[in-house]
């Protein structure tokens, strides 16, 4: 019997493609996973056993994180792409994603496409100020593309963004070997507007890329919510201030003596970031903890 370690790059109908030092091996998962209620995910680091009866995923190594939708594990960074127009950038959507990334140990990278059609530099500055890598680019003119030189180097990257934001166009420019079709259908990924597709990792240089569905279907947290008691920790730009509030247990929404509110008023924290935080806090406050526990 031979044991090999590798990464699951595709999984369809209980059959998994695992990239190993010996090549890509097609195999099924051992029945013990079903018994334990565990399902291998694309991105899982696994052990494969190969013997006279075939190949099987025999062990799943500890996950760094796991997305619920789409089902993929061990994401190192999420590149959030927002178009300059049609629709215009929405900071609340982006802030939901950056918060979920921070909760799950994923680096958020924010990119604004189609800068040849509108000036989106002020949006990029919001996220640079918050401490994230943030880019403005045009796949048409080539402006800003050099900044992506090391974004996808190493680890597993996922992309997300509204339909038409330019995910496939960006990948075509940076990695033409993927041959992604823009518009309604991507033949390489098997994706159309109303087509359910399997998640698949593609090797690019020293890393992998997983294309993902749009903003609304991305679920990093499993339950879909971040508890209100955890939310401030998912806004890293609040970190220098949140422990300096006058009162313990400060929600950073309206309290007197709140250092976060002072920083917002003084322009040290962007107003739009705090507005998103307050909306997310009110949403989280409306969901009882027992309901969140039940969803896990």
Protein backbone atom coordinates (compact mmCIF):
# COMPACT_ATOMS: atom_id res chain seq x y z
CA UNK A 1 0.00 0.00 0.00
CA UNK A 2 1.24 3.48 -0.92
CA UNK A 3 0.35 6.65 0.99
CA UNK A 4 0.54 10.03 -0.69
CA UNK A 5 -0.28 13.53 0.50
CA UNK A 6 -1.96 16.03 -1.77
CA UNK A 7 -4.70 18.62 -2.26
CA UNK A 8 -8.20 18.04 -3.59
CA UNK A 9 -8.57 20.14 -6.73
CA UNK A 10 -12.00 18.91 -7.81
CA UNK A 11 -14.87 16.88 -6.42
CA UNK A 12 -17.95 15.73 -8.34
CA UNK A 13 -20.47 13.08 -7.29
CA UNK A 14 -18.26 11.58 -4.62
CA UNK A 15 -15.24 11.30 -6.92
CA UNK A 16 -12.27 13.47 -6.03
CA UNK A 17 -9.26 14.58 -8.05
CA UNK A 18 -6.24 14.89 -5.77
CA UNK A 19 -3.02 16.56 -6.91
CA UNK A 20 -0.06 14.67 -5.45
CA UNK A 21 3.69 14.55 -6.16
CA UNK A 22 2.91 11.48 -8.29
CA UNK A 23 0.32 13.32 -10.37
CA UNK A 24 -3.43 13.79 -10.16
CA UNK A 25 -5.19 10.76 -8.69
CA UNK A 26 -8.93 10.10 -9.02
CA UNK A 27 -10.34 8.51 -5.89
CA UNK A 28 -13.33 8.17 -3.60
CA UNK A 29 -13.49 8.92 0.11
CA UNK A 30 -13.37 6.25 2.80
CA UNK A 31 -16.73 5.39 4.33
CA UNK A 32 -15.52 6.56 7.74
CA UNK A 33 -16.05 10.16 6.63
CA UNK A 34 -19.76 9.60 5.98
CA UNK A 35 -20.06 7.86 9.33
CA UNK A 36 -18.49 10.86 11.07
CA UNK A 37 -20.55 13.36 9.07
CA UNK A 38 -17.46 14.80 7.38
CA UNK A 39 -17.30 15.55 3.67
CA UNK A 40 -14.02 16.18 1.86
CA UNK A 41 -13.88 19.63 0.26
CA UNK A 42 -11.96 21.08 -2.63
CA UNK A 43 -8.87 22.64 -1.07
CA UNK A 44 -8.54 19.99 1.62
CA UNK A 45 -5.05 18.70 2.31
CA UNK A 46 -5.48 14.96 2.38
CA UNK A 47 -3.75 11.60 2.51
CA UNK A 48 -4.51 9.17 -0.31
CA UNK A 49 -3.95 5.43 -0.02
CA UNK A 50 -3.28 3.46 -3.19
CA UNK A 51 -3.45 -0.33 -3.22
CA UNK A 52 -4.62 -3.20 -5.40
CA UNK A 53 -8.29 -2.28 -4.95
CA UNK A 54 -7.89 1.33 -6.04
CA UNK A 55 -7.34 4.76 -4.49
CA UNK A 56 -9.12 6.46 -1.62
CA UNK A 57 -8.98 9.61 0.49
CA UNK A 58 -8.04 8.12 3.86
CA UNK A 59 -7.29 11.21 5.94
CA UNK A 60 -8.23 14.89 5.93
CA UNK A 61 -5.68 17.13 7.61
CA UNK A 62 -6.81 19.95 9.87
CA UNK A 63 -8.48 22.78 7.99
CA UNK A 64 -7.47 26.40 8.28
CA UNK A 65 -11.01 27.40 7.36
CA UNK A 66 -13.93 26.22 5.27
CA UNK A 67 -16.51 28.04 3.19
CA UNK A 68 -20.07 26.78 3.29
CA UNK A 69 -21.01 28.21 -0.10
CA UNK A 70 -19.22 27.42 -2.33
CA UNK A 71 -17.79 24.36 -0.56
CA UNK A 72 -14.04 24.91 -0.46
CA UNK A 73 -11.43 24.70 2.31
CA UNK A 74 -8.14 26.33 3.28
CA UNK A 75 -8.56 29.64 1.46
CA UNK A 76 -5.62 31.97 2.07
CA UNK A 77 -7.00 35.09 0.43
CA UNK A 78 -10.25 36.32 -1.05
CA UNK A 79 -9.98 38.83 -3.89
CA UNK A 80 -13.15 40.92 -3.80
CA UNK A 81 -13.76 42.51 -7.20
CA UNK A 82 -16.19 45.37 -7.61
CA UNK A 83 -16.85 47.12 -10.91
CA UNK A 84 -16.70 50.89 -11.21
CA UNK A 85 -20.11 50.90 -12.93
CA UNK A 86 -23.17 48.69 -13.46
CA UNK A 87 -23.50 48.56 -10.53
CA UNK A 88 -21.34 51.08 -8.71
CA UNK A 89 -19.29 49.77 -5.77
CA UNK A 90 -21.30 48.95 -2.64
CA UNK A 91 -19.26 49.32 0.54
CA UNK A 92 -21.70 47.37 2.72
CA UNK A 93 -21.33 44.26 0.58
CA UNK A 94 -17.56 44.58 0.59
CA UNK A 95 -17.48 45.20 4.36
CA UNK A 96 -19.57 42.07 5.01
CA UNK A 97 -17.01 40.06 3.08
CA UNK A 98 -13.94 41.62 4.69
CA UNK A 99 -15.45 40.98 8.14
CA UNK A 100 -16.18 37.35 7.30
CA UNK A 101 -12.63 36.98 5.98
CA UNK A 102 -11.13 38.36 9.17
CA UNK A 103 -13.23 35.99 11.27
CA UNK A 104 -12.02 33.01 9.25
CA UNK A 105 -8.32 33.82 8.92
CA UNK A 106 -8.55 34.79 5.25
CA UNK A 107 -6.75 37.82 3.85
CA UNK A 108 -9.23 40.12 2.07
CA UNK A 109 -7.90 41.86 -1.03
CA UNK A 110 -10.17 44.52 -2.53
CA UNK A 111 -9.99 45.41 -6.21
CA UNK A 112 -12.02 47.90 -8.21
CA UNK A 113 -12.22 47.16 -11.92
CA UNK A 114 -13.11 49.25 -14.98
CA UNK A 115 -11.34 52.37 -13.75
CA UNK A 116 -11.31 53.47 -17.40
CA UNK A 117 -15.07 54.08 -17.06
CA UNK A 118 -15.19 55.88 -13.70
CA UNK A 119 -12.90 57.14 -10.94
CA UNK A 120 -13.01 54.64 -8.06
CA UNK A 121 -9.84 55.75 -6.30
CA UNK A 122 -11.82 57.03 -3.29
CA UNK A 123 -13.24 53.55 -2.73
CA UNK A 124 -9.81 51.96 -2.92
CA UNK A 125 -8.52 54.48 -0.39
CA UNK A 126 -11.21 53.42 2.11
CA UNK A 127 -9.80 49.90 2.19
CA UNK A 128 -6.16 50.93 2.11
CA UNK A 129 -6.88 53.08 5.14
CA UNK A 130 -8.53 50.05 6.79
CA UNK A 131 -5.27 48.13 6.29
CA UNK A 132 -6.14 45.92 3.31
CA UNK A 133 -4.37 45.56 0.01
CA UNK A 134 -6.58 47.48 -2.39
CA UNK A 135 -6.22 48.05 -6.13
CA UNK A 136 -7.75 50.04 -8.94
CA UNK A 137 -7.31 48.63 -12.42
CA UNK A 138 -8.59 48.37 -15.97
CA UNK A 139 -8.29 45.12 -17.89
CA UNK A 140 -8.93 47.14 -21.07
CA UNK A 141 -6.15 49.73 -20.75
CA UNK A 142 -3.87 47.69 -18.50
CA UNK A 143 -3.78 50.40 -15.84
CA UNK A 144 -3.04 49.01 -12.37
CA UNK A 145 -2.51 45.39 -13.46
CA UNK A 146 1.14 45.39 -12.37
CA UNK A 147 -0.09 45.63 -8.77
CA UNK A 148 -1.43 42.07 -9.04
CA UNK A 149 2.05 40.64 -9.63
CA UNK A 150 2.28 38.88 -6.26
CA UNK A 151 -1.37 38.71 -5.15
CA UNK A 152 -1.86 35.14 -6.36
CA UNK A 153 1.64 33.93 -5.51
CA UNK A 154 1.40 30.89 -3.24
CA UNK A 155 -1.51 29.45 -1.30
CA UNK A 156 -5.12 29.26 -2.42
CA UNK A 157 -6.92 32.35 -3.68
CA UNK A 158 -10.63 32.76 -4.35
CA UNK A 159 -12.33 35.50 -6.32
CA UNK A 160 -15.77 36.89 -5.77
CA UNK A 161 -17.80 39.72 -7.18
CA UNK A 162 -21.08 40.58 -8.80
CA UNK A 163 -21.80 39.22 -12.26
CA UNK A 164 -20.09 41.48 -14.75
CA UNK A 165 -17.55 42.84 -12.27
CA UNK A 166 -14.76 41.46 -14.42
CA UNK A 167 -13.47 38.35 -12.62
CA UNK A 168 -13.03 36.25 -15.76
CA UNK A 169 -11.63 39.20 -17.72
CA UNK A 170 -8.99 39.79 -15.05
CA UNK A 171 -8.03 36.12 -15.02
CA UNK A 172 -7.78 36.06 -18.82
CA UNK A 173 -5.35 38.96 -18.76
CA UNK A 174 -3.23 37.65 -15.88
CA UNK A 175 -3.45 33.94 -16.70
CA UNK A 176 -4.41 33.46 -20.37
CA UNK A 177 -3.70 29.74 -20.09
CA UNK A 178 -6.99 29.35 -18.20
CA UNK A 179 -8.89 30.45 -21.32
CA UNK A 180 -11.95 31.67 -19.44
CA UNK A 181 -14.83 33.01 -21.48
CA UNK A 182 -16.30 36.29 -20.34
CA UNK A 183 -20.01 36.99 -20.35
CA UNK A 184 -22.64 34.34 -19.76
CA UNK A 185 -20.61 31.14 -19.91
CA UNK A 186 -17.14 30.05 -18.88
CA UNK A 187 -16.35 26.81 -20.69
CA UNK A 188 -13.26 26.13 -18.59
CA UNK A 189 -15.28 26.39 -15.38
CA UNK A 190 -18.49 24.97 -16.84
CA UNK A 191 -20.47 27.96 -15.61
CA UNK A 192 -23.47 29.72 -17.07
CA UNK A 193 -25.84 32.17 -15.46
CA UNK A 194 -28.18 29.44 -14.26
CA UNK A 195 -25.76 26.49 -14.19
CA UNK A 196 -24.74 24.75 -10.99
CA UNK A 197 -21.07 23.95 -11.18
CA UNK A 198 -18.48 22.14 -9.14
CA UNK A 199 -15.75 24.09 -7.40
CA UNK A 200 -12.35 23.48 -8.97
CA UNK A 201 -8.86 24.72 -8.16
CA UNK A 202 -6.57 25.78 -10.99
CA UNK A 203 -2.82 25.94 -10.51
CA UNK A 204 -1.26 29.28 -11.37
CA UNK A 205 2.44 29.63 -10.67
CA UNK A 206 3.10 28.62 -7.07
CA UNK A 207 -0.54 28.80 -6.01
CA UNK A 208 -4.12 27.92 -6.87
CA UNK A 209 -7.17 29.91 -7.87
CA UNK A 210 -10.77 28.96 -7.15
CA UNK A 211 -13.39 30.94 -9.01
CA UNK A 212 -16.50 31.52 -6.87
CA UNK A 213 -20.13 32.58 -7.40
CA UNK A 214 -21.32 36.13 -6.73
CA UNK A 215 -21.45 38.10 -3.50
CA UNK A 216 -24.90 36.95 -2.39
CA UNK A 217 -24.10 33.25 -2.35
CA UNK A 218 -20.73 33.42 -0.58
CA UNK A 219 -20.98 32.10 2.98
CA UNK A 220 -17.74 32.19 4.93
CA UNK A 221 -19.22 31.97 8.39
CA UNK A 222 -21.34 28.84 8.05
CA UNK A 223 -24.28 30.34 9.90
CA UNK A 224 -24.31 33.44 7.72
CA UNK A 225 -23.84 35.69 10.77
CA UNK A 226 -21.07 37.00 12.94
CA UNK A 227 -22.13 37.36 16.56
CA UNK A 228 -22.43 40.95 17.75
CA UNK A 229 -19.89 40.21 20.51
CA UNK A 230 -17.35 39.17 17.84
CA UNK A 231 -18.11 41.77 15.19
CA UNK A 232 -15.77 44.56 16.31
CA UNK A 233 -12.84 42.12 16.19
CA UNK A 234 -13.67 41.52 12.52
CA UNK A 235 -13.06 45.21 11.74
CA UNK A 236 -9.29 45.37 12.14
CA UNK A 237 -9.26 49.14 11.62
CA UNK A 238 -11.09 49.41 14.98
CA UNK A 239 -8.28 47.55 16.78
CA UNK A 240 -6.21 50.56 17.93
CA UNK A 241 -9.30 52.09 19.56
CA UNK A 242 -11.78 49.43 20.70
CA UNK A 243 -10.05 48.63 24.01
CA UNK A 244 -9.68 52.29 24.96
CA UNK A 245 -13.41 53.03 25.36
CA UNK A 246 -14.58 54.49 28.67
CA UNK A 247 -16.82 51.54 29.49
CA UNK A 248 -16.25 47.80 29.12
CA UNK A 249 -18.66 46.03 26.83
CA UNK A 250 -18.94 49.06 24.56
CA UNK A 251 -20.81 48.23 21.35
CA UNK A 252 -19.06 51.07 19.47
CA UNK A 253 -22.39 52.22 18.07
CA UNK A 254 -23.61 55.17 20.17
CA UNK A 255 -22.00 55.15 23.64
CA UNK A 256 -20.47 58.20 25.26
CA UNK A 257 -16.74 57.86 25.73
CA UNK A 258 -16.41 55.42 22.83
CA UNK A 259 -12.95 55.76 21.33
CA UNK A 260 -14.06 54.14 18.06
CA UNK A 261 -16.75 56.81 17.62
CA UNK A 262 -14.16 59.50 18.32
CA UNK A 263 -11.86 58.03 15.69
CA UNK A 264 -14.71 58.05 13.17
CA UNK A 265 -15.54 61.67 14.00
CA UNK A 266 -11.87 62.64 13.59
CA UNK A 267 -11.54 60.81 10.27
CA UNK A 268 -9.18 58.13 11.58
CA UNK A 269 -11.75 55.44 10.71
CA UNK A 270 -13.76 55.83 7.50
CA UNK A 271 -17.41 56.74 8.04
CA UNK A 272 -18.64 54.15 5.55
CA UNK A 273 -16.84 51.37 7.44
CA UNK A 274 -18.53 52.36 10.69
CA UNK A 275 -21.94 52.65 8.99
CA UNK A 276 -21.54 49.08 7.73
CA UNK A 277 -20.50 47.96 11.21
CA UNK A 278 -23.61 49.51 12.79
CA UNK A 279 -25.93 47.85 10.28
CA UNK A 280 -24.27 44.48 10.78
CA UNK A 281 -24.37 44.93 14.56
CA UNK A 282 -28.13 45.59 14.53
CA UNK A 283 -28.68 42.55 12.31
CA UNK A 284 -26.60 40.36 14.61
CA UNK A 285 -28.34 41.73 17.71
CA UNK A 286 -31.69 40.62 16.28
CA UNK A 287 -30.56 36.99 16.04
CA UNK A 288 -30.59 35.06 19.35
CA UNK A 289 -27.42 33.16 20.21
CA UNK A 290 -29.38 29.91 20.56
CA UNK A 291 -30.40 30.19 16.90
CA UNK A 292 -26.79 30.65 15.81
CA UNK A 293 -25.74 27.66 17.91
CA UNK A 294 -28.49 25.58 16.32
CA UNK A 295 -27.26 26.38 12.82
CA UNK A 296 -23.77 25.09 13.52
